[in-house]
């Protein structure tokens, strides 16, 4: 597995962890401020994951 595969897995894992932290906070009636911060962090992590995936495709993808 190359470095882009590892970075992609790490980025996707970060998104999943933040998502589950937000769900856990919601189900245990946690602070709405914490939920808002987790939602913002998830959106940023998703953007990073998307950039990593698209960058890997641009650098290493093969047409046709």
Foldseek 3Di string as FASTA:
>chain_A
DDPLVVVLVVLVVVLVVLVVVLVVCVVVVHDPVVNVVSVVVNVVSVVVSVCSVVVCCVVPNDDD
